[in-house]
Amino acid sequence: MKDNGNAEVFKTKFTSHAFSMTDRKKATLSGIAKVESSNATEIALVSCLGRLVITGSELKIERFDVAVGDLALVGNIDGIKYTAAKQPLLKRIFK
């Protein structure tokens, strides 16, 4: 669980996250709680440290083990971005 002040708290059973990439063609990740969306150009994930978006081409999830939070993907990886979730509308209005 992580709280970045103004970011959403990511509640997962995992406490650590790792990302390993080989030749921008293969990647393995741990600490993944959920796959939000997946297509050939973008994979959006929720890790124990926040939301993660992987962009590229010909992206494909090879394996995702929900019980242990391990994910493997292949494709041409162009970008990796961790993002904070937006605050709920009422919190943004009433700061």
PDB file of N, CA and C in Angstrom:
ATOM      1  N   MET A   1       0.844  -1.164   0.000  1.00  0.00           N
ATOM      2  CA  MET A   1       0.000   0.000   0.000  1.00  0.00           C
ATOM      3  C   MET A   1       0.893   1.232   0.000  1.00  0.00           C
ATOM      4  N   LYS A   2       0.553   2.192  -0.854  1.00  0.00           N
ATOM      5  CA  LYS A   2       1.361   3.409  -0.961  1.00  0.00           C
ATOM      6  C   LYS A   2       0.433   4.598  -1.064  1.00  0.00           C
ATOM      7  N   ASP A   3       0.807   5.661  -0.392  1.00  0.00           N
ATOM      8  CA  ASP A   3       0.025   6.890  -0.445  1.00  0.00           C
ATOM      9  C   ASP A   3       0.973   8.021  -0.805  1.00  0.00           C
ATOM     10  N   ASN A   4       0.756   8.642  -1.958  1.00  0.00           N
ATOM     11  CA  ASN A   4       1.603   9.748  -2.402  1.00  0.00           C
ATOM     12  C   ASN A   4       0.960  11.088  -2.087  1.00  0.00           C
ATOM     13  N   GLY A   5       0.364  11.212  -0.927  1.00  0.00           N
ATOM     14  CA  GLY A   5      -0.267  12.470  -0.567  1.00  0.00           C
ATOM     15  C   GLY A   5      -1.538  12.719  -1.343  1.00  0.00           C
ATOM     16  N   ASN A   6      -1.414  13.229  -2.564  1.00  0.00           N
ATOM     17  CA  ASN A   6      -2.599  13.530  -3.351  1.00  0.00           C
ATOM     18  C   ASN A   6      -2.993  12.389  -4.280  1.00  0.00           C
ATOM     19  N   ALA A   7      -2.272  11.288  -4.254  1.00  0.00           N
ATOM     20  CA  ALA A   7      -2.596  10.164  -5.131  1.00  0.00           C
ATOM     21  C   ALA A   7      -3.495   9.169  -4.419  1.00  0.00           C
ATOM     22  N   GLU A   8      -4.195   8.402  -5.213  1.00  0.00           N
ATOM     23  CA  GLU A   8      -5.041   7.340  -4.687  1.00  0.00           C
ATOM     24  C   GLU A   8      -4.165   6.323  -3.951  1.00  0.00           C
ATOM     25  N   VAL A   9      -4.690   5.721  -2.909  1.00  0.00           N
ATOM     26  CA  VAL A   9      -3.958   4.678  -2.195  1.00  0.00           C
ATOM     27  C   VAL A   9      -4.187   3.369  -2.942  1.00  0.00           C
ATOM     28  N   PHE A  10      -3.098   2.718  -3.326  1.00  0.00           N
ATOM     29  CA  PHE A  10      -3.181   1.472  -4.057  1.00  0.00           C
ATOM     30  C   PHE A  10      -3.143   0.332  -3.056  1.00  0.00           C
ATOM     31  N   LYS A  11      -4.275  -0.310  -2.862  1.00  0.00           N
ATOM     32  CA  LYS A  11      -4.389  -1.376  -1.886  1.00  0.00           C
ATOM     33  C   LYS A  11      -4.191  -2.708  -2.585  1.00  0.00           C
ATOM     34  N   THR A  12      -3.064  -3.352  -2.351  1.00  0.00           N
ATOM     35  CA  THR A  12      -2.800  -4.663  -2.904  1.00  0.00           C
ATOM     36  C   THR A  12      -2.206  -5.527  -1.819  1.00  0.00           C
ATOM     37  N   LYS A  13      -2.198  -6.820  -2.059  1.00  0.00           N
ATOM     38  CA  LYS A  13      -1.593  -7.728  -1.089  1.00  0.00           C
ATOM     39  C   LYS A  13      -0.077  -7.796  -1.276  1.00  0.00           C
ATOM     40  N   PHE A  14       0.449  -7.152  -2.292  1.00  0.00           N
ATOM     41  CA  PHE A  14       1.886  -7.172  -2.568  1.00  0.00           C
ATOM     42  C   PHE A  14       2.566  -5.955  -1.955  1.00  0.00           C
ATOM     43  N   THR A  15       3.787  -6.129  -1.479  1.00  0.00           N
ATOM     44  CA  THR A  15       4.493  -5.031  -0.827  1.00  0.00           C
ATOM     45  C   THR A  15       5.723  -4.575  -1.599  1.00  0.00           C
ATOM     46  N   SER A  16       6.108  -5.317  -2.618  1.00  0.00           N
ATOM     47  CA  SER A  16       7.255  -4.891  -3.417  1.00  0.00           C
ATOM     48  C   SER A  16       6.946  -5.073  -4.896  1.00  0.00           C
ATOM     49  N   HIS A  17       7.685  -4.330  -5.710  1.00  0.00           N
ATOM     50  CA  HIS A  17       7.462  -4.335  -7.157  1.00  0.00           C
ATOM     51  C   HIS A  17       8.820  -4.352  -7.848  1.00  0.00           C
ATOM     52  N   ALA A  18       8.952  -5.172  -8.879  1.00  0.00           N
ATOM     53  CA  ALA A  18      10.188  -5.220  -9.658  1.00  0.00           C
ATOM     54  C   ALA A  18       9.836  -5.225 -11.137  1.00  0.00           C
ATOM     55  N   PHE A  19      10.724  -4.635 -11.929  1.00  0.00           N
ATOM     56  CA  PHE A  19      10.549  -4.576 -13.383  1.00  0.00           C
ATOM     57  C   PHE A  19      11.890  -4.920 -14.012  1.00  0.00           C
ATOM     58  N   SER A  20      11.900  -5.922 -14.875  1.00  0.00           N
ATOM     59  CA  SER A  20      13.130  -6.327 -15.560  1.00  0.00           C
ATOM     60  C   SER A  20      12.838  -6.426 -17.054  1.00  0.00           C
ATOM     61  N   MET A  21      13.715  -5.803 -17.861  1.00  0.00           N
ATOM     62  CA  MET A  21      13.500  -5.798 -19.304  1.00  0.00           C
ATOM     63  C   MET A  21      14.748  -6.291 -20.010  1.00  0.00           C
ATOM     64  N   THR A  22      14.555  -7.061 -21.080  1.00  0.00           N
ATOM     65  CA  THR A  22      15.657  -7.578 -21.884  1.00  0.00           C
ATOM     66  C   THR A  22      15.500  -7.089 -23.319  1.00  0.00           C
ATOM     67  N   ASP A  23      16.476  -6.329 -23.785  1.00  0.00           N
ATOM     68  CA  ASP A  23      16.544  -5.873 -25.181  1.00  0.00           C
ATOM     69  C   ASP A  23      15.282  -5.154 -25.675  1.00  0.00           C
ATOM     70  N   ARG A  24      14.550  -4.535 -24.768  1.00  0.00           N
ATOM     71  CA  ARG A  24      13.304  -3.836 -25.110  1.00  0.00           C
ATOM     72  C   ARG A  24      12.314  -4.723 -25.843  1.00  0.00           C
ATOM     73  N   LYS A  25      12.461  -6.042 -25.671  1.00  0.00           N
ATOM     74  CA  LYS A  25      11.573  -7.007 -26.333  1.00  0.00           C
ATOM     75  C   LYS A  25      10.800  -7.865 -25.334  1.00  0.00           C
ATOM     76  N   LYS A  26      11.364  -8.080 -24.151  1.00  0.00           N
ATOM     77  CA  LYS A  26      10.732  -8.912 -23.125  1.00  0.00           C
ATOM     78  C   LYS A  26      10.808  -8.192 -21.792  1.00  0.00           C
ATOM     79  N   ALA A  27       9.767  -8.346 -21.000  1.00  0.00           N
ATOM     80  CA  ALA A  27       9.765  -7.746 -19.673  1.00  0.00           C
ATOM     81  C   ALA A  27       9.073  -8.692 -18.697  1.00  0.00           C
ATOM     82  N   THR A  28       9.593  -8.713 -17.484  1.00  0.00           N
ATOM     83  CA  THR A  28       8.955  -9.446 -16.398  1.00  0.00           C
ATOM     84  C   THR A  28       8.730  -8.476 -15.252  1.00  0.00           C
ATOM     85  N   LEU A  29       7.583  -8.587 -14.628  1.00  0.00           N
ATOM     86  CA  LEU A  29       7.211  -7.694 -13.541  1.00  0.00           C
ATOM     87  C   LEU A  29       6.683  -8.510 -12.375  1.00  0.00           C
ATOM     88  N   SER A  30       6.890  -7.981 -11.178  1.00  0.00           N
ATOM     89  CA  SER A  30       6.288  -8.574  -9.988  1.00  0.00           C
ATOM     90  C   SER A  30       5.551  -7.472  -9.236  1.00  0.00           C
ATOM     91  N   GLY A  31       4.683  -7.875  -8.332  1.00  0.00           N
ATOM     92  CA  GLY A  31       3.905  -6.899  -7.572  1.00  0.00           C
ATOM     93  C   GLY A  31       2.756  -6.311  -8.353  1.00  0.00           C
ATOM     94  N   ILE A  32       2.270  -7.029  -9.365  1.00  0.00           N
ATOM     95  CA  ILE A  32       1.170  -6.546 -10.202  1.00  0.00           C
ATOM     96  C   ILE A  32      -0.155  -7.064  -9.651  1.00  0.00           C
ATOM     97  N   ALA A  33      -1.052  -6.147  -9.324  1.00  0.00           N
ATOM     98  CA  ALA A  33      -2.339  -6.518  -8.741  1.00  0.00           C
ATOM     99  C   ALA A  33      -3.425  -6.708  -9.801  1.00  0.00           C
ATOM    100  N   LYS A  34      -3.305  -5.954 -10.912  1.00  0.00           N
ATOM    101  CA  LYS A  34      -4.403  -5.960 -11.880  1.00  0.00           C
ATOM    102  C   LYS A  34      -3.915  -5.504 -13.246  1.00  0.00           C
ATOM    103  N   VAL A  35      -4.496  -6.084 -14.289  1.00  0.00           N
ATOM    104  CA  VAL A  35      -4.304  -5.600 -15.652  1.00  0.00           C
ATOM    105  C   VAL A  35      -5.549  -4.783 -15.973  1.00  0.00           C
ATOM    106  N   GLU A  36      -5.380  -3.467 -16.106  1.00  0.00           N
ATOM    107  CA  GLU A  36      -6.523  -2.590 -16.396  1.00  0.00           C
ATOM    108  C   GLU A  36      -6.964  -2.710 -17.844  1.00  0.00           C
ATOM    109  N   SER A  37      -5.988  -2.721 -18.759  1.00  0.00           N
ATOM    110  CA  SER A  37      -6.300  -2.867 -20.178  1.00  0.00           C
ATOM    111  C   SER A  37      -5.059  -3.364 -20.905  1.00  0.00           C
ATOM    112  N   SER A  38      -5.313  -3.967 -22.057  1.00  0.00           N
ATOM    113  CA  SER A  38      -4.205  -4.518 -22.826  1.00  0.00           C
ATOM    114  C   SER A  38      -4.581  -4.563 -24.302  1.00  0.00           C
ATOM    115  N   ASN A  39      -3.704  -4.003 -25.137  1.00  0.00           N
ATOM    116  CA  ASN A  39      -3.852  -4.149 -26.577  1.00  0.00           C
ATOM    117  C   ASN A  39      -2.451  -4.149 -27.190  1.00  0.00           C
ATOM    118  N   ALA A  40      -2.346  -4.146 -28.483  1.00  0.00           N
ATOM    119  CA  ALA A  40      -1.051  -4.275 -29.151  1.00  0.00           C
ATOM    120  C   ALA A  40      -0.134  -3.076 -28.955  1.00  0.00           C
ATOM    121  N   THR A  41      -0.679  -1.921 -28.542  1.00  0.00           N
ATOM    122  CA  THR A  41       0.146  -0.723 -28.403  1.00  0.00           C
ATOM    123  C   THR A  41       0.274  -0.204 -26.973  1.00  0.00           C
ATOM    124  N   GLU A  42      -0.551  -0.718 -26.042  1.00  0.00           N
ATOM    125  CA  GLU A  42      -0.490  -0.224 -24.667  1.00  0.00           C
ATOM    126  C   GLU A  42      -1.010  -1.269 -23.681  1.00  0.00           C
ATOM    127  N   ILE A  43      -0.281  -1.417 -22.583  1.00  0.00           N
ATOM    128  CA  ILE A  43      -0.712  -2.277 -21.491  1.00  0.00           C
ATOM    129  C   ILE A  43      -0.743  -1.420 -20.233  1.00  0.00           C
ATOM    130  N   ALA A  44      -1.904  -1.340 -19.597  1.00  0.00           N
ATOM    131  CA  ALA A  44      -2.068  -0.554 -18.371  1.00  0.00           C
ATOM    132  C   ALA A  44      -2.228  -1.518 -17.202  1.00  0.00           C
ATOM    133  N   LEU A  45      -1.382  -1.331 -16.179  1.00  0.00           N
ATOM    134  CA  LEU A  45      -1.349  -2.227 -15.028  1.00  0.00           C
ATOM    135  C   LEU A  45      -1.482  -1.442 -13.739  1.00  0.00           C
ATOM    136  N   VAL A  46      -1.862  -2.131 -12.675  1.00  0.00           N
ATOM    137  CA  VAL A  46      -1.841  -1.558 -11.334  1.00  0.00           C
ATOM    138  C   VAL A  46      -0.850  -2.382 -10.527  1.00  0.00           C
ATOM    139  N   SER A  47       0.202  -1.713 -10.051  1.00  0.00           N
ATOM    140  CA  SER A  47       1.186  -2.379  -9.199  1.00  0.00           C
ATOM    141  C   SER A  47       0.985  -1.893  -7.770  1.00  0.00           C
ATOM    142  N   CYS A  48       1.714  -2.479  -6.855  1.00  0.00           N
ATOM    143  CA  CYS A  48       1.595  -2.041  -5.461  1.00  0.00           C
ATOM    144  C   CYS A  48       2.166  -0.647  -5.265  1.00  0.00           C
ATOM    145  N   LEU A  49       2.885  -0.115  -6.249  1.00  0.00           N
ATOM    146  CA  LEU A  49       3.440   1.236  -6.162  1.00  0.00           C
ATOM    147  C   LEU A  49       2.713   2.238  -7.038  1.00  0.00           C
ATOM    148  N   GLY A  50       1.630   1.836  -7.666  1.00  0.00           N
ATOM    149  CA  GLY A  50       0.866   2.756  -8.488  1.00  0.00           C
ATOM    150  C   GLY A  50       0.547   2.197  -9.857  1.00  0.00           C
ATOM    151  N   ARG A  51      -0.044   3.034 -10.681  1.00  0.00           N
ATOM    152  CA  ARG A  51      -0.437   2.653 -12.042  1.00  0.00           C
ATOM    153  C   ARG A  51       0.780   2.696 -12.948  1.00  0.00           C
ATOM    154  N   LEU A  52       0.873   1.729 -13.835  1.00  0.00           N
ATOM    155  CA  LEU A  52       1.996   1.600 -14.755  1.00  0.00           C
ATOM    156  C   LEU A  52       1.448   1.415 -16.160  1.00  0.00           C
ATOM    157  N   VAL A  53       1.942   2.220 -17.112  1.00  0.00           N
ATOM    158  CA  VAL A  53       1.516   2.111 -18.504  1.00  0.00           C
ATOM    159  C   VAL A  53       2.742   1.815 -19.353  1.00  0.00           C
ATOM    160  N   ILE A  54       2.670   0.719 -20.113  1.00  0.00           N
ATOM    161  CA  ILE A  54       3.756   0.303 -21.005  1.00  0.00           C
ATOM    162  C   ILE A  54       3.253   0.500 -22.427  1.00  0.00           C
ATOM    163  N   THR A  55       4.017   1.251 -23.237  1.00  0.00           N
ATOM    164  CA  THR A  55       3.614   1.512 -24.617  1.00  0.00           C
ATOM    165  C   THR A  55       4.622   0.911 -25.582  1.00  0.00           C
ATOM    166  N   GLY A  56       4.162   0.662 -26.787  1.00  0.00           N
ATOM    167  CA  GLY A  56       5.029   0.100 -27.812  1.00  0.00           C
ATOM    168  C   GLY A  56       4.205  -0.440 -28.959  1.00  0.00           C
ATOM    169  N   SER A  57       4.705  -1.501 -29.568  1.00  0.00           N
ATOM    170  CA  SER A  57       3.978  -2.148 -30.658  1.00  0.00           C
ATOM    171  C   SER A  57       4.098  -3.659 -30.501  1.00  0.00           C
ATOM    172  N   GLU A  58       3.122  -4.349 -31.017  1.00  0.00           N
ATOM    173  CA  GLU A  58       3.065  -5.814 -30.950  1.00  0.00           C
ATOM    174  C   GLU A  58       3.187  -6.329 -29.513  1.00  0.00           C
ATOM    175  N   LEU A  59       2.653  -5.568 -28.555  1.00  0.00           N
ATOM    176  CA  LEU A  59       2.720  -5.966 -27.151  1.00  0.00           C
ATOM    177  C   LEU A  59       1.732  -7.093 -26.878  1.00  0.00           C
ATOM    178  N   LYS A  60       2.178  -8.045 -26.080  1.00  0.00           N
ATOM    179  CA  LYS A  60       1.344  -9.194 -25.761  1.00  0.00           C
ATOM    180  C   LYS A  60       1.727  -9.710 -24.376  1.00  0.00           C
ATOM    181  N   ILE A  61       0.737  -9.929 -23.541  1.00  0.00           N
ATOM    182  CA  ILE A  61       0.990 -10.525 -22.228  1.00  0.00           C
ATOM    183  C   ILE A  61       1.134 -12.026 -22.420  1.00  0.00           C
ATOM    184  N   GLU A  62       2.288 -12.561 -22.059  1.00  0.00           N
ATOM    185  CA  GLU A  62       2.527 -14.000 -22.174  1.00  0.00           C
ATOM    186  C   GLU A  62       1.974 -14.766 -20.979  1.00  0.00           C
ATOM    187  N   ARG A  63       2.122 -14.167 -19.788  1.00  0.00           N
ATOM    188  CA  ARG A  63       1.730 -14.860 -18.565  1.00  0.00           C
ATOM    189  C   ARG A  63       1.399 -13.838 -17.497  1.00  0.00           C
ATOM    190  N   PHE A  64       0.306 -14.088 -16.765  1.00  0.00           N
ATOM    191  CA  PHE A  64      -0.040 -13.257 -15.620  1.00  0.00           C
ATOM    192  C   PHE A  64      -0.578 -14.161 -14.525  1.00  0.00           C
ATOM    193  N   ASP A  65       0.140 -14.238 -13.425  1.00  0.00           N
ATOM    194  CA  ASP A  65      -0.264 -15.049 -12.280  1.00  0.00           C
ATOM    195  C   ASP A  65      -0.813 -14.109 -11.212  1.00  0.00           C
ATOM    196  N   VAL A  66      -2.124 -14.041 -11.112  1.00  0.00           N
ATOM    197  CA  VAL A  66      -2.781 -13.124 -10.188  1.00  0.00           C
ATOM    198  C   VAL A  66      -2.416 -13.441  -8.743  1.00  0.00           C
ATOM    199  N   ALA A  67      -2.282 -14.721  -8.417  1.00  0.00           N
ATOM    200  CA  ALA A  67      -2.027 -15.124  -7.031  1.00  0.00           C
ATOM    201  C   ALA A  67      -0.706 -14.585  -6.495  1.00  0.00           C
ATOM    202  N   VAL A  68       0.328 -14.544  -7.342  1.00  0.00           N
ATOM    203  CA  VAL A  68       1.640 -14.072  -6.883  1.00  0.00           C
ATOM    204  C   VAL A  68       2.015 -12.712  -7.462  1.00  0.00           C
ATOM    205  N   GLY A  69       1.229 -12.206  -8.421  1.00  0.00           N
ATOM    206  CA  GLY A  69       1.464 -10.872  -8.970  1.00  0.00           C
ATOM    207  C   GLY A  69       2.554 -10.803 -10.012  1.00  0.00           C
ATOM    208  N   ASP A  70       2.900 -11.934 -10.633  1.00  0.00           N
ATOM    209  CA  ASP A  70       3.945 -11.953 -11.665  1.00  0.00           C
ATOM    210  C   ASP A  70       3.332 -11.838 -13.053  1.00  0.00           C
ATOM    211  N   LEU A  71       3.983 -11.037 -13.910  1.00  0.00           N
ATOM    212  CA  LEU A  71       3.512 -10.831 -15.270  1.00  0.00           C
ATOM    213  C   LEU A  71       4.704 -10.853 -16.208  1.00  0.00           C
ATOM    214  N   ALA A  72       4.537 -11.475 -17.369  1.00  0.00           N
ATOM    215  CA  ALA A  72       5.568 -11.472 -18.408  1.00  0.00           C
ATOM    216  C   ALA A  72       4.924 -10.975 -19.692  1.00  0.00           C
ATOM    217  N   LEU A  73       5.656 -10.116 -20.417  1.00  0.00           N
ATOM    218  CA  LEU A  73       5.131  -9.610 -21.683  1.00  0.00           C
ATOM    219  C   LEU A  73       6.234  -9.581 -22.734  1.00  0.00           C
ATOM    220  N   VAL A  74       5.813  -9.592 -23.995  1.00  0.00           N
ATOM    221  CA  VAL A  74       6.742  -9.505 -25.123  1.00  0.00           C
ATOM    222  C   VAL A  74       6.222  -8.448 -26.085  1.00  0.00           C
ATOM    223  N   GLY A  75       7.097  -7.960 -26.933  1.00  0.00           N
ATOM    224  CA  GLY A  75       6.743  -6.962 -27.934  1.00  0.00           C
ATOM    225  C   GLY A  75       7.841  -5.924 -28.039  1.00  0.00           C
ATOM    226  N   ASN A  76       7.592  -4.888 -28.791  1.00  0.00           N
ATOM    227  CA  ASN A  76       8.544  -3.793 -28.946  1.00  0.00           C
ATOM    228  C   ASN A  76       8.183  -2.701 -27.941  1.00  0.00           C
ATOM    229  N   ILE A  77       8.938  -2.627 -26.847  1.00  0.00           N
ATOM    230  CA  ILE A  77       8.633  -1.706 -25.758  1.00  0.00           C
ATOM    231  C   ILE A  77       9.269  -0.353 -26.042  1.00  0.00           C
ATOM    232  N   ASP A  78       8.428   0.685 -26.123  1.00  0.00           N
ATOM    233  CA  ASP A  78       8.903   2.043 -26.399  1.00  0.00           C
ATOM    234  C   ASP A  78       8.897   2.935 -25.165  1.00  0.00           C
ATOM    235  N   GLY A  79       7.960   2.700 -24.257  1.00  0.00           N
ATOM    236  CA  GLY A  79       7.856   3.578 -23.098  1.00  0.00           C
ATOM    237  C   GLY A  79       7.292   2.878 -21.879  1.00  0.00           C
ATOM    238  N   ILE A  80       7.740   3.363 -20.716  1.00  0.00           N
ATOM    239  CA  ILE A  80       7.266   2.854 -19.432  1.00  0.00           C
ATOM    240  C   ILE A  80       6.993   4.077 -18.573  1.00  0.00           C
ATOM    241  N   LYS A  81       5.770   4.191 -18.070  1.00  0.00           N
ATOM    242  CA  LYS A  81       5.433   5.380 -17.294  1.00  0.00           C
ATOM    243  C   LYS A  81       4.590   4.994 -16.084  1.00  0.00           C
ATOM    244  N   TYR A  82       5.057   5.443 -14.933  1.00  0.00           N
ATOM    245  CA  TYR A  82       4.285   5.306 -13.708  1.00  0.00           C
ATOM    246  C   TYR A  82       3.470   6.575 -13.554  1.00  0.00           C
ATOM    247  N   THR A  83       2.198   6.415 -13.245  1.00  0.00           N
ATOM    248  CA  THR A  83       1.337   7.582 -13.100  1.00  0.00           C
ATOM    249  C   THR A  83       0.589   7.516 -11.781  1.00  0.00           C
ATOM    250  N   ALA A  84       0.299   8.672 -11.240  1.00  0.00           N
ATOM    251  CA  ALA A  84      -0.527   8.755 -10.039  1.00  0.00           C
ATOM    252  C   ALA A  84      -1.975   8.832 -10.485  1.00  0.00           C
ATOM    253  N   ALA A  85      -2.833   8.245  -9.727  1.00  0.00           N
ATOM    254  CA  ALA A  85      -4.258   8.302 -10.035  1.00  0.00           C
ATOM    255  C   ALA A  85      -4.775   9.700  -9.730  1.00  0.00           C
ATOM    256  N   LYS A  86      -5.770  10.114 -10.476  1.00  0.00           N
ATOM    257  CA  LYS A  86      -6.382  11.419 -10.213  1.00  0.00           C
ATOM    258  C   LYS A  86      -7.170  11.342  -8.909  1.00  0.00           C
ATOM    259  N   GLN A  87      -7.192  12.471  -8.210  1.00  0.00           N
ATOM    260  CA  GLN A  87      -8.006  12.566  -7.008  1.00  0.00           C
ATOM    261  C   GLN A  87      -9.471  12.572  -7.410  1.00  0.00           C
ATOM    262  N   PRO A  88     -10.316  12.092  -6.525  1.00  0.00           N
ATOM    263  CA  PRO A  88     -11.748  12.214  -6.808  1.00  0.00           C
ATOM    264  C   PRO A  88     -12.118  13.691  -6.993  1.00  0.00           C
ATOM    265  N   LEU A  89     -13.127  13.938  -7.797  1.00  0.00           N
ATOM    266  CA  LEU A  89     -13.532  15.302  -8.149  1.00  0.00           C
ATOM    267  C   LEU A  89     -13.795  16.161  -6.919  1.00  0.00           C
ATOM    268  N   LEU A  90     -14.504  15.644  -5.931  1.00  0.00           N
ATOM    269  CA  LEU A  90     -14.820  16.446  -4.745  1.00  0.00           C
ATOM    270  C   LEU A  90     -13.573  16.849  -3.971  1.00  0.00           C
ATOM    271  N   LYS A  91     -12.572  15.996  -3.915  1.00  0.00           N
ATOM    272  CA  LYS A  91     -11.326  16.342  -3.225  1.00  0.00           C
ATOM    273  C   LYS A  91     -10.583  17.447  -3.966  1.00  0.00           C
ATOM    274  N   ARG A  92     -10.648  17.432  -5.307  1.00  0.00           N
ATOM    275  CA  ARG A  92      -9.972  18.482  -6.079  1.00  0.00           C
ATOM    276  C   ARG A  92     -10.679  19.817  -5.913  1.00  0.00           C
ATOM    277  N   ILE A  93     -11.989  19.789  -5.804  1.00  0.00           N
ATOM    278  CA  ILE A  93     -12.760  21.031  -5.668  1.00  0.00           C
ATOM    279  C   ILE A  93     -12.582  21.636  -4.282  1.00  0.00           C
ATOM    280  N   PHE A  94     -12.664  20.806  -3.238  1.00  0.00           N
ATOM    281  CA  PHE A  94     -12.610  21.287  -1.857  1.00  0.00           C
ATOM    282  C   PHE A  94     -11.254  21.033  -1.235  1.00  0.00           C
ATOM    283  N   LYS A  95     -10.229  21.717  -1.723  1.00  0.00           N
ATOM    284  CA  LYS A  95      -8.881  21.545  -1.178  1.00  0.00           C
ATOM    285  C   LYS A  95      -8.748  22.259   0.124  1.00  0.00           C
TER     286      LYS A  95
END
